[in-house]
């Protein structure tokens, strides 16, 4: 029980920041619409630099937000040479969905 509470606390803490919430919503929207992202030929992923440009924030700030979403279990991170490739963590999204459904009386 304590582990699951901690997991959800990390998720909701990450999503309490407007930049992180927008980043996650955009990632989900793009996957839902089956848009393809490319970063060195990988699909359903994008580069941190691409996100920083979209949200008009510094790449270092973007890196911080992305790492928080990874820590929360909502995004995945993979190194590709000097680049960091981010993707949607479907397992984490599913867990969040199940949690929200359980709140419905």
N, C-alpha and C. Protein backbone atom coordinates (compact mmCIF):
# COMPACT_ATOMS: atom_id res chain seq x y z
N UNK A 1 0.83 -1.20 0.00
CA UNK A 1 0.00 0.00 0.00
C UNK A 1 0.87 1.26 0.00
N UNK A 2 1.89 1.31 0.86
CA UNK A 2 2.74 2.48 0.94
C UNK A 2 3.47 2.72 -0.37
N UNK A 3 3.92 1.65 -1.04
CA UNK A 3 4.60 1.79 -2.32
C UNK A 3 3.71 2.43 -3.36
N UNK A 4 2.44 1.99 -3.42
CA UNK A 4 1.55 2.54 -4.43
C UNK A 4 1.21 4.00 -4.11
N UNK A 5 1.08 4.34 -2.83
CA UNK A 5 0.83 5.73 -2.45
C UNK A 5 2.01 6.60 -2.87
N UNK A 6 3.22 6.14 -2.62
CA UNK A 6 4.41 6.89 -3.03
C UNK A 6 4.47 7.05 -4.54
N UNK A 7 4.10 6.01 -5.25
CA UNK A 7 4.12 6.06 -6.73
C UNK A 7 3.16 7.14 -7.23
N UNK A 8 1.96 7.16 -6.69
CA UNK A 8 0.97 8.15 -7.12
C UNK A 8 1.35 9.55 -6.66
N UNK A 9 1.98 9.67 -5.52
CA UNK A 9 2.45 10.98 -5.08
C UNK A 9 3.47 11.55 -6.06
N UNK A 10 4.39 10.70 -6.53
CA UNK A 10 5.38 11.15 -7.52
C UNK A 10 4.69 11.60 -8.80
N UNK A 11 3.68 10.83 -9.23
CA UNK A 11 2.97 11.17 -10.47
C UNK A 11 2.26 12.52 -10.34
N UNK A 12 1.50 12.69 -9.27
CA UNK A 12 0.73 13.92 -9.11
C UNK A 12 1.62 15.12 -8.83
N UNK A 13 2.72 14.89 -8.14
CA UNK A 13 3.67 15.99 -7.92
C UNK A 13 4.24 16.45 -9.26
N UNK A 14 4.61 15.50 -10.10
CA UNK A 14 5.15 15.85 -11.41
C UNK A 14 4.11 16.59 -12.24
N UNK A 15 2.88 16.16 -12.17
CA UNK A 15 1.83 16.77 -12.99
C UNK A 15 1.30 18.07 -12.42
N UNK A 16 1.74 18.44 -11.23
CA UNK A 16 1.29 19.71 -10.64
C UNK A 16 1.99 20.91 -11.28
N UNK A 17 3.03 20.66 -12.04
CA UNK A 17 3.74 21.73 -12.73
C UNK A 17 3.12 21.91 -14.12
N UNK A 18 2.73 23.14 -14.48
CA UNK A 18 2.06 23.33 -15.78
C UNK A 18 2.89 22.91 -16.99
N UNK A 19 4.20 23.13 -16.97
CA UNK A 19 5.04 22.70 -18.10
C UNK A 19 5.02 21.18 -18.24
N UNK A 20 5.18 20.48 -17.12
CA UNK A 20 5.20 19.02 -17.17
C UNK A 20 3.86 18.46 -17.60
N UNK A 21 2.77 19.06 -17.13
CA UNK A 21 1.45 18.60 -17.53
C UNK A 21 1.26 18.81 -19.03
N UNK A 22 1.66 19.94 -19.55
CA UNK A 22 1.56 20.19 -20.99
C UNK A 22 2.41 19.21 -21.79
N UNK A 23 3.61 18.95 -21.31
CA UNK A 23 4.50 18.01 -21.99
C UNK A 23 3.86 16.64 -22.07
N UNK A 24 3.32 16.17 -20.95
CA UNK A 24 2.70 14.84 -20.93
C UNK A 24 1.45 14.80 -21.80
N UNK A 25 0.60 15.82 -21.71
CA UNK A 25 -0.61 15.86 -22.53
C UNK A 25 -0.28 15.84 -24.01
N UNK A 26 0.74 16.57 -24.41
CA UNK A 26 1.16 16.58 -25.81
C UNK A 26 1.69 15.22 -26.24
N UNK A 27 2.45 14.58 -25.38
CA UNK A 27 2.97 13.25 -25.71
C UNK A 27 1.83 12.25 -25.89
N UNK A 28 0.85 12.30 -25.00
CA UNK A 28 -0.30 11.39 -25.10
C UNK A 28 -1.11 11.70 -26.36
N UNK A 29 -1.34 12.98 -26.61
CA UNK A 29 -2.10 13.40 -27.80
C UNK A 29 -1.43 12.91 -29.07
N UNK A 30 -0.14 13.06 -29.16
CA UNK A 30 0.58 12.64 -30.36
C UNK A 30 0.53 11.13 -30.57
N UNK A 31 0.64 10.37 -29.49
CA UNK A 31 0.55 8.91 -29.61
C UNK A 31 -0.87 8.52 -29.98
N UNK A 32 -1.86 9.16 -29.35
CA UNK A 32 -3.26 8.86 -29.63
C UNK A 32 -3.61 9.15 -31.09
N UNK A 33 -3.08 10.23 -31.62
CA UNK A 33 -3.34 10.60 -33.01
C UNK A 33 -2.42 9.87 -33.98
N UNK A 34 -1.60 8.98 -33.43
CA UNK A 34 -0.68 8.17 -34.21
C UNK A 34 0.28 9.01 -35.03
N UNK A 35 0.63 10.16 -34.50
CA UNK A 35 1.67 10.95 -35.15
C UNK A 35 3.00 10.28 -34.86
N UNK A 36 3.88 10.35 -35.78
CA UNK A 36 5.19 9.73 -35.61
C UNK A 36 6.20 10.80 -35.24
N UNK A 37 6.98 10.53 -34.21
CA UNK A 37 8.07 11.40 -33.83
C UNK A 37 9.35 10.74 -34.30
N UNK A 38 10.29 11.53 -34.67
CA UNK A 38 11.57 10.96 -35.07
C UNK A 38 12.70 11.62 -34.30
N UNK A 39 13.55 10.81 -33.80
CA UNK A 39 14.79 11.25 -33.20
C UNK A 39 15.78 10.15 -33.53
N UNK A 40 16.61 10.40 -34.50
CA UNK A 40 17.55 9.37 -34.94
C UNK A 40 16.81 8.11 -35.40
N UNK A 41 15.65 8.30 -36.05
CA UNK A 41 14.94 7.17 -36.63
C UNK A 41 14.06 6.38 -35.69
N UNK A 42 13.90 6.81 -34.44
CA UNK A 42 13.05 6.08 -33.51
C UNK A 42 11.64 6.65 -33.59
N UNK A 43 10.63 5.80 -33.49
CA UNK A 43 9.25 6.25 -33.54
C UNK A 43 8.67 6.39 -32.14
N UNK A 44 7.61 7.20 -32.03
CA UNK A 44 6.93 7.47 -30.76
C UNK A 44 7.88 8.01 -29.70
N UNK A 45 8.90 8.68 -30.14
CA UNK A 45 9.82 9.32 -29.21
C UNK A 45 10.14 10.70 -29.75
N UNK A 46 10.73 11.50 -28.95
CA UNK A 46 11.13 12.83 -29.39
C UNK A 46 12.37 13.24 -28.61
N UNK A 47 13.03 14.23 -29.09
CA UNK A 47 14.23 14.71 -28.43
C UNK A 47 13.90 15.88 -27.51
N UNK A 48 14.65 16.00 -26.46
CA UNK A 48 14.48 17.08 -25.50
C UNK A 48 14.55 18.44 -26.20
N UNK A 49 15.47 18.57 -27.11
CA UNK A 49 15.65 19.82 -27.85
C UNK A 49 14.37 20.21 -28.58
N UNK A 50 13.69 19.21 -29.18
CA UNK A 50 12.45 19.48 -29.89
C UNK A 50 11.39 20.04 -28.96
N UNK A 51 11.29 19.45 -27.77
CA UNK A 51 10.31 19.94 -26.80
C UNK A 51 10.66 21.33 -26.31
N UNK A 52 11.91 21.59 -26.06
CA UNK A 52 12.33 22.90 -25.55
C UNK A 52 11.93 23.99 -26.54
N UNK A 53 12.07 23.72 -27.82
CA UNK A 53 11.68 24.70 -28.84
C UNK A 53 10.17 24.93 -28.83
N UNK A 54 9.39 23.86 -28.72
CA UNK A 54 7.93 23.96 -28.73
C UNK A 54 7.43 24.79 -27.55
N UNK A 55 7.99 24.57 -26.37
CA UNK A 55 7.51 25.25 -25.17
C UNK A 55 8.28 26.53 -24.84
N UNK A 56 9.22 26.90 -25.69
CA UNK A 56 10.00 28.13 -25.53
C UNK A 56 10.62 28.24 -24.14
N UNK A 57 11.25 27.13 -23.72
CA UNK A 57 11.99 27.15 -22.46
C UNK A 57 13.41 26.65 -22.72
N UNK A 58 14.29 26.96 -21.81
CA UNK A 58 15.69 26.57 -21.97
C UNK A 58 15.82 25.05 -21.98
N UNK A 59 16.73 24.51 -22.79
CA UNK A 59 16.94 23.06 -22.81
C UNK A 59 17.26 22.47 -21.43
N UNK A 60 17.99 23.20 -20.60
CA UNK A 60 18.31 22.68 -19.27
C UNK A 60 17.05 22.58 -18.41
N UNK A 61 16.16 23.55 -18.55
CA UNK A 61 14.88 23.50 -17.82
C UNK A 61 14.03 22.36 -18.34
N UNK A 62 14.04 22.19 -19.65
CA UNK A 62 13.30 21.09 -20.27
C UNK A 62 13.82 19.75 -19.75
N UNK A 63 15.12 19.63 -19.65
CA UNK A 63 15.73 18.41 -19.14
C UNK A 63 15.23 18.10 -17.73
N UNK A 64 15.17 19.12 -16.91
CA UNK A 64 14.68 18.93 -15.53
C UNK A 64 13.23 18.42 -15.55
N UNK A 65 12.37 19.05 -16.35
CA UNK A 65 10.97 18.63 -16.40
C UNK A 65 10.83 17.20 -16.91
N UNK A 66 11.60 16.87 -17.92
CA UNK A 66 11.53 15.51 -18.48
C UNK A 66 12.00 14.48 -17.45
N UNK A 67 13.07 14.80 -16.74
CA UNK A 67 13.57 13.87 -15.72
C UNK A 67 12.55 13.66 -14.62
N UNK A 68 11.83 14.71 -14.26
CA UNK A 68 10.77 14.57 -13.25
C UNK A 68 9.65 13.66 -13.74
N UNK A 69 9.31 13.75 -15.01
CA UNK A 69 8.28 12.88 -15.57
C UNK A 69 8.76 11.43 -15.67
N UNK A 70 10.04 11.24 -15.90
CA UNK A 70 10.61 9.89 -15.89
C UNK A 70 10.58 9.34 -14.46
N UNK A 71 11.00 10.14 -13.50
CA UNK A 71 11.00 9.72 -12.09
C UNK A 71 9.58 9.35 -11.64
N UNK A 72 8.60 10.06 -12.16
CA UNK A 72 7.20 9.79 -11.82
C UNK A 72 6.66 8.55 -12.52
N UNK A 73 7.43 8.02 -13.49
CA UNK A 73 7.00 6.83 -14.20
C UNK A 73 6.08 7.10 -15.38
N UNK A 74 6.05 8.35 -15.85
CA UNK A 74 5.14 8.72 -16.93
C UNK A 74 5.83 8.79 -18.29
N UNK A 75 7.13 9.00 -18.30
CA UNK A 75 7.92 8.99 -19.54
C UNK A 75 9.07 8.01 -19.39
N UNK A 76 9.63 7.61 -20.51
CA UNK A 76 10.83 6.78 -20.51
C UNK A 76 11.98 7.63 -21.07
N UNK A 77 13.18 7.25 -20.73
CA UNK A 77 14.36 7.95 -21.20
C UNK A 77 15.38 6.93 -21.68
N UNK A 78 15.99 7.23 -22.80
CA UNK A 78 17.00 6.33 -23.37
C UNK A 78 18.11 7.18 -23.97
N UNK A 79 19.33 6.79 -23.73
CA UNK A 79 20.47 7.48 -24.33
C UNK A 79 20.71 6.95 -25.73
N UNK A 80 20.96 7.87 -26.64
CA UNK A 80 21.27 7.52 -28.02
C UNK A 80 22.46 8.37 -28.43
N UNK A 81 23.63 7.87 -28.12
CA UNK A 81 24.84 8.66 -28.35
C UNK A 81 24.84 9.85 -27.42
N UNK A 82 24.93 11.04 -27.97
CA UNK A 82 24.91 12.24 -27.14
C UNK A 82 23.50 12.74 -26.89
N UNK A 83 22.54 12.16 -27.56
CA UNK A 83 21.15 12.59 -27.40
C UNK A 83 20.44 11.77 -26.34
N UNK A 84 19.44 12.37 -25.76
CA UNK A 84 18.54 11.67 -24.86
C UNK A 84 17.19 11.59 -25.55
N UNK A 85 16.65 10.39 -25.65
CA UNK A 85 15.39 10.15 -26.35
C UNK A 85 14.33 9.84 -25.30
N UNK A 86 13.19 10.53 -25.40
CA UNK A 86 12.11 10.39 -24.43
C UNK A 86 10.91 9.75 -25.10
N UNK A 87 10.19 8.92 -24.37
CA UNK A 87 8.98 8.30 -24.89
C UNK A 87 7.94 8.19 -23.79
N UNK A 88 6.73 7.89 -24.17
CA UNK A 88 5.62 7.74 -23.25
C UNK A 88 5.75 6.39 -22.54
N UNK A 89 5.66 6.39 -21.22
CA UNK A 89 5.69 5.14 -20.46
C UNK A 89 4.25 4.65 -20.34
N UNK A 90 3.86 3.79 -21.24
CA UNK A 90 2.47 3.32 -21.29
C UNK A 90 2.06 2.62 -19.99
N UNK A 91 2.97 1.94 -19.35
CA UNK A 91 2.65 1.26 -18.09
C UNK A 91 2.28 2.29 -17.01
N UNK A 92 3.05 3.35 -16.93
CA UNK A 92 2.76 4.40 -15.96
C UNK A 92 1.45 5.11 -16.25
N UNK A 93 1.19 5.38 -17.52
CA UNK A 93 -0.06 6.02 -17.92
C UNK A 93 -1.24 5.12 -17.57
N UNK A 94 -1.08 3.83 -17.83
CA UNK A 94 -2.14 2.88 -17.50
C UNK A 94 -2.39 2.84 -15.99
N UNK A 95 -1.34 2.83 -15.20
CA UNK A 95 -1.49 2.81 -13.74
C UNK A 95 -2.23 4.06 -13.26
N UNK A 96 -1.93 5.20 -13.84
CA UNK A 96 -2.61 6.45 -13.49
C UNK A 96 -4.08 6.36 -13.87
N UNK A 97 -4.35 5.82 -15.03
CA UNK A 97 -5.73 5.65 -15.50
C UNK A 97 -6.53 4.75 -14.55
N UNK A 98 -5.95 3.63 -14.15
CA UNK A 98 -6.61 2.71 -13.23
C UNK A 98 -6.88 3.40 -11.90
N UNK A 99 -5.91 4.17 -11.40
CA UNK A 99 -6.08 4.89 -10.14
C UNK A 99 -7.26 5.86 -10.22
N UNK A 100 -7.34 6.63 -11.30
CA UNK A 100 -8.43 7.59 -11.48
C UNK A 100 -9.77 6.86 -11.56
N UNK A 101 -9.81 5.75 -12.27
CA UNK A 101 -11.07 4.98 -12.37
C UNK A 101 -11.51 4.47 -11.02
N UNK A 102 -10.56 4.09 -10.16
CA UNK A 102 -10.90 3.59 -8.83
C UNK A 102 -11.52 4.66 -7.94
N UNK A 103 -11.30 5.93 -8.27
CA UNK A 103 -11.88 7.01 -7.50
C UNK A 103 -13.37 7.22 -7.81
N UNK A 104 -13.82 6.68 -8.94
CA UNK A 104 -15.21 6.85 -9.33
C UNK A 104 -16.10 5.96 -8.46
N UNK A 105 -17.02 6.60 -7.72
CA UNK A 105 -17.88 5.79 -6.81
C UNK A 105 -18.80 4.88 -7.52
